[in-house]
Protein backbone atom coordinates (compact mmCIF):
# COMPACT_ATOMS: atom_id res chain seq x y z
CA MET A 1 0.00 0.00 0.00
CA LEU A 2 1.12 3.54 -0.80
CA LYS A 3 0.34 5.76 2.16
CA LEU A 4 0.66 9.54 2.48
CA GLU A 5 0.28 10.72 6.06
CA ALA A 6 -0.14 14.43 6.84
CA LEU A 7 2.02 15.16 3.80
CA ASP A 8 2.81 18.86 3.37
CA LEU A 9 4.52 19.97 0.15
CA ARG A 10 5.70 23.53 -0.40
CA LYS A 11 7.25 25.46 -3.27
CA GLY A 12 7.56 29.14 -2.40
CA THR A 13 4.02 30.28 -1.61
CA PHE A 14 2.50 27.11 -3.10
CA ARG A 15 1.27 24.45 -0.67
CA LEU A 16 -0.22 21.00 -1.22
CA GLN A 17 -1.39 18.63 1.51
CA ALA A 18 -2.34 14.97 1.32
CA ASP A 19 -3.66 12.20 3.53
CA LEU A 20 -4.51 9.17 1.43
CA GLU A 21 -3.93 5.50 0.71
CA ILE A 22 -3.61 3.66 -2.61
CA GLN A 23 -3.86 -0.10 -2.80
CA PRO A 24 -1.13 -2.19 -4.45
CA GLY A 25 -1.82 -2.87 -8.11
CA ALA A 26 -4.30 -0.01 -8.45
CA GLN A 27 -4.39 2.15 -11.57
CA VAL A 28 -5.18 5.69 -10.48
CA ALA A 29 -5.58 8.91 -12.48
CA VAL A 30 -4.41 12.15 -10.88
CA ILE A 31 -6.57 14.98 -12.17
CA GLY A 32 -7.36 18.58 -11.30
CA PRO A 33 -7.04 22.17 -12.48
CA SER A 34 -3.81 23.44 -14.05
CA GLY A 35 -1.33 24.51 -11.40
CA ALA A 36 -3.09 22.59 -8.64
CA GLY A 37 -0.02 20.46 -7.88
CA LYS A 38 -0.50 17.19 -9.77
CA SER A 39 3.09 17.03 -11.01
CA THR A 40 4.37 18.21 -7.63
CA LEU A 41 2.62 15.27 -5.99
CA LEU A 42 4.30 12.77 -8.31
CA GLU A 43 7.67 14.48 -7.90
CA ALA A 44 7.34 14.13 -4.13
CA LEU A 45 6.54 10.42 -4.47
CA ALA A 46 9.61 10.01 -6.68
CA GLY A 47 11.83 11.87 -4.21
CA PHE A 48 12.45 15.05 -6.21
CA VAL A 49 10.44 17.32 -3.88
CA PRO A 50 11.18 16.86 -0.16
CA PRO A 51 8.10 17.37 2.02
CA ALA A 52 8.00 20.11 4.62
CA ALA A 53 6.23 17.66 6.89
CA GLY A 54 4.52 14.28 6.82
CA ARG A 55 5.38 10.77 5.74
CA ILE A 56 5.39 8.66 2.57
CA SER A 57 5.42 4.89 2.99
CA TRP A 58 5.21 1.91 0.67
CA GLN A 59 4.18 -1.50 2.00
CA GLY A 60 4.80 -0.25 5.53
CA GLN A 61 8.32 1.05 4.83
CA ASP A 62 8.99 4.75 5.33
CA VAL A 63 10.57 6.11 2.12
CA THR A 64 10.23 9.83 2.95
CA GLY A 65 13.95 10.37 3.34
CA GLN A 66 15.15 8.01 0.62
CA PRO A 67 16.84 9.50 -2.48
CA PRO A 68 15.07 8.94 -5.81
CA GLY A 69 17.29 6.07 -6.94
CA GLU A 70 16.54 4.04 -3.82
CA ARG A 71 12.75 4.35 -3.97
CA PRO A 72 10.51 1.65 -5.49
CA VAL A 73 9.50 4.20 -8.13
CA ALA A 74 9.91 4.59 -11.88
CA MET A 75 8.72 7.85 -13.44
CA LEU A 76 7.85 8.63 -17.04
CA PHE A 77 8.04 12.35 -17.78
CA GLN A 78 6.28 14.45 -20.39
CA ASP A 79 9.22 14.60 -22.80
CA GLY A 80 10.52 11.06 -22.35
CA ASN A 81 14.06 12.32 -21.66
CA LEU A 82 15.83 10.24 -24.31
CA PHE A 83 19.44 11.23 -24.97
CA PRO A 84 19.89 12.02 -28.67
CA HIS A 85 23.51 10.77 -28.88
CA LEU A 86 22.63 7.31 -27.54
CA THR A 87 20.94 4.45 -29.34
CA VAL A 88 17.52 3.23 -28.32
CA ALA A 89 19.06 0.24 -26.53
CA GLN A 90 21.55 2.46 -24.71
CA ASN A 91 18.79 4.82 -23.62
CA VAL A 92 16.77 1.93 -22.25
CA GLY A 93 19.85 0.47 -20.57
CA LEU A 94 20.15 3.64 -18.49
CA GLY A 95 17.17 2.35 -16.53
CA ILE A 96 19.38 -0.50 -15.29
CA ASP A 97 22.78 1.20 -14.96
CA PRO A 98 23.42 4.93 -15.53
CA ASN A 99 27.00 4.03 -16.52
CA ARG A 100 25.68 1.65 -19.24
CA ARG A 101 27.81 -1.26 -18.02
CA LEU A 102 25.37 -4.08 -18.62
CA SER A 103 25.86 -7.80 -18.23
CA PRO A 104 24.64 -10.12 -21.00
CA GLN A 105 21.61 -10.89 -18.85
CA GLU A 106 20.84 -7.19 -18.47
CA GLU A 107 21.25 -6.61 -22.20
CA ALA A 108 18.74 -9.40 -22.72
CA ARG A 109 16.33 -7.52 -20.40
CA VAL A 110 16.70 -4.44 -22.60
CA THR A 111 15.98 -6.47 -25.73
CA ALA A 112 12.94 -8.08 -24.11
CA ALA A 113 11.59 -4.72 -22.93
CA LEU A 114 11.93 -3.21 -26.39
CA ALA A 115 10.12 -6.20 -27.88
CA ARG A 116 7.34 -5.84 -25.30
CA VAL A 117 6.69 -2.22 -26.29
CA GLY A 118 6.81 -2.97 -30.01
CA LEU A 119 10.34 -1.83 -30.85
CA ALA A 120 12.00 -5.16 -31.64
CA GLY A 121 14.80 -4.67 -34.14
CA MET A 122 15.18 -0.94 -33.42
CA GLU A 123 17.87 -1.27 -30.75
CA GLY A 124 20.51 0.51 -32.83
CA ARG A 125 18.44 3.53 -33.89
CA LYS A 126 18.95 7.01 -32.48
CA PRO A 127 15.97 8.95 -31.07
CA ALA A 128 15.98 11.29 -34.07
CA ALA A 129 15.10 8.34 -36.28
CA LEU A 130 12.01 7.49 -34.24
CA SER A 131 8.45 8.68 -34.68
CA GLY A 132 6.65 10.33 -31.79
CA GLY A 133 4.96 7.09 -30.85
CA GLN A 134 8.21 5.12 -31.05
CA HIS A 135 9.90 7.74 -28.88
CA SER A 136 7.20 7.18 -26.22
CA ARG A 137 7.59 3.42 -26.49
CA ALA A 138 11.36 3.66 -25.96
CA ALA A 139 10.84 5.83 -22.87
CA LEU A 140 8.33 3.29 -21.58
CA ALA A 141 10.79 0.45 -22.16
CA ARG A 142 13.35 2.26 -19.99
CA VAL A 143 10.76 2.40 -17.21
CA LEU A 144 9.93 -1.27 -17.74
CA VAL A 145 13.50 -2.52 -17.21
CA GLN A 146 13.64 -0.77 -13.84
CA ASN A 147 11.09 -3.26 -12.52
CA ARG A 148 9.76 -0.92 -9.82
CA ALA A 149 6.58 -1.40 -7.84
CA LEU A 150 5.31 2.16 -8.40
CA LEU A 151 4.91 3.54 -11.92
CA LEU A 152 4.34 7.30 -12.15
CA LEU A 153 3.27 8.92 -15.43
CA ASP A 154 3.32 12.71 -15.80
CA GLU A 155 1.35 13.08 -19.04
CA PRO A 156 3.99 11.39 -21.21
CA PHE A 157 1.59 10.95 -24.14
CA ALA A 158 0.04 14.43 -24.19
CA ALA A 159 1.74 15.35 -27.48
CA LEU A 160 0.46 12.28 -29.32
CA GLY A 161 -2.65 12.17 -31.49
CA PRO A 162 -5.83 10.69 -30.01
CA ALA A 163 -5.53 7.22 -31.56
CA LEU A 164 -1.85 6.82 -30.72
CA LYS A 165 -2.36 8.15 -27.21
CA SER A 166 -5.12 5.62 -26.60
CA GLU A 167 -2.84 2.87 -27.88
CA MET A 168 -0.07 3.92 -25.50
CA LEU A 169 -2.44 4.18 -22.55
CA ASP A 170 -3.66 0.64 -23.23
CA LEU A 171 -0.06 -0.58 -23.44
CA VAL A 172 0.83 1.05 -20.10
CA SER A 173 -2.25 -0.47 -18.49
CA GLU A 174 -1.40 -3.92 -19.83
CA ILE A 175 2.20 -3.68 -18.59
CA ALA A 176 1.07 -2.53 -15.15
CA GLN A 177 -1.28 -5.50 -14.93
CA GLU A 178 1.40 -7.94 -16.11
CA THR A 179 3.99 -6.69 -13.62
CA GLY A 180 1.62 -5.95 -10.75
CA ALA A 181 2.86 -2.36 -10.58
CA THR A 182 0.78 0.36 -8.95
CA LEU A 183 0.11 3.07 -11.53
CA LEU A 184 -0.46 6.79 -10.92
CA MET A 185 -1.05 8.85 -14.04
CA VAL A 186 -1.39 12.63 -14.26
CA SER A 187 -3.84 13.64 -16.97
CA HIS A 188 -5.73 16.72 -18.11
CA ASP A 189 -8.03 14.58 -20.25
CA PRO A 190 -10.97 12.96 -18.42
CA GLN A 191 -11.25 10.36 -21.17
CA ASP A 192 -7.74 9.14 -20.32
CA ALA A 193 -8.87 8.60 -16.75
CA ARG A 194 -11.97 6.73 -17.88
CA ARG A 195 -9.90 4.54 -20.20
CA ILE A 196 -7.51 2.95 -17.71
CA SER A 197 -8.34 4.09 -14.17
CA ARG A 198 -11.04 2.86 -11.84
CA GLU A 199 -10.07 5.48 -9.26
CA VAL A 200 -9.14 9.14 -9.35
CA VAL A 201 -7.12 11.31 -7.00
CA LEU A 202 -8.45 14.84 -7.32
CA VAL A 203 -5.86 17.57 -6.72
CA ALA A 204 -7.58 20.89 -6.09
CA ASP A 205 -7.72 23.75 -3.60
CA GLY A 206 -4.40 22.85 -2.00
CA ARG A 207 -5.18 19.20 -1.33
CA ALA A 208 -4.73 15.80 -2.95
CA HIS A 209 -7.96 14.05 -2.03
CA PRO A 210 -8.25 10.31 -1.28
CA PRO A 211 -9.04 8.07 -4.27
CA ALA A 212 -12.65 8.05 -5.44
CA ALA A 213 -14.40 6.09 -8.16
CA THR A 214 -13.59 7.54 -11.58
CA ALA A 215 -17.18 7.56 -12.80
CA SER A 216 -18.52 9.30 -9.70
CA ILE A 217 -15.94 12.09 -9.89
CA LEU A 218 -16.24 12.69 -13.63
CA ASP A 219 -20.00 12.29 -13.90
CA SER A 220 -20.59 14.77 -11.08
CA PRO A 221 -17.37 16.79 -10.78
CA PRO A 222 -16.85 18.99 -7.72
CA PRO A 223 -16.83 22.77 -8.33
CA ALA A 224 -13.05 23.16 -8.79
CA LEU A 225 -12.91 20.38 -11.37
CA ARG A 226 -16.11 21.48 -13.10
CA ALA A 227 -14.71 24.98 -13.54
CA TYR A 228 -11.54 23.55 -15.07
CA LEU A 229 -13.34 21.18 -17.43
CA GLY A 230 -15.83 23.83 -18.47
CA ALA A 231 -18.63 21.29 -18.84
CA THR A 232 -19.62 17.89 -17.61
CA PRO A 233 -17.42 15.37 -19.51
CA ASP A 234 -19.02 12.97 -21.95
CA ARG A 235 -19.88 9.67 -20.39
């Protein structure tokens, strides 16, 4: 279980608080108005934003003071963060060893991860030779080889077209189910939440609220979310 206890996050005058629990293996969308703190919440879980107060624990272990590399977390950012001078395989291998010193077994893990995301045979390509969708798949493969229990997505597919984005969301959901990972996904699109998440964490008015059923939140959004969406989302 992922547990946030009296968590208090601050950036200058910005403040976000959270008291919530997320069950292992859950797929949860993190939604809310722009600037409400959705990305800040994920960054805190990953260890990039130290809390002013409170506690983050996973499966009963306090990870609040752990550096990012020691947490059971893999994070997929908006831009994918592929290095242009490295091949696809080398970029993915960074998820195992930042110095790219991989054993034959680890190289086999990279090959298997690329095959799982649909990039078999593209190990030697550079990012510039990839399409937008292939770029996203390579970034996802790097997350996959990390084999972490918590998978955090900060809108990594926002720049993709609707059909390709749906395809990538389905792939992420399938991989999370196969590995048993707990998935938290920031999204501005309520249809993304409906597609892969049974629960939603609403971030609004300075608080990350406990998970609630996706349909109940989106069918009858609270005032802060309704104002952001502009209208009740299609069901």
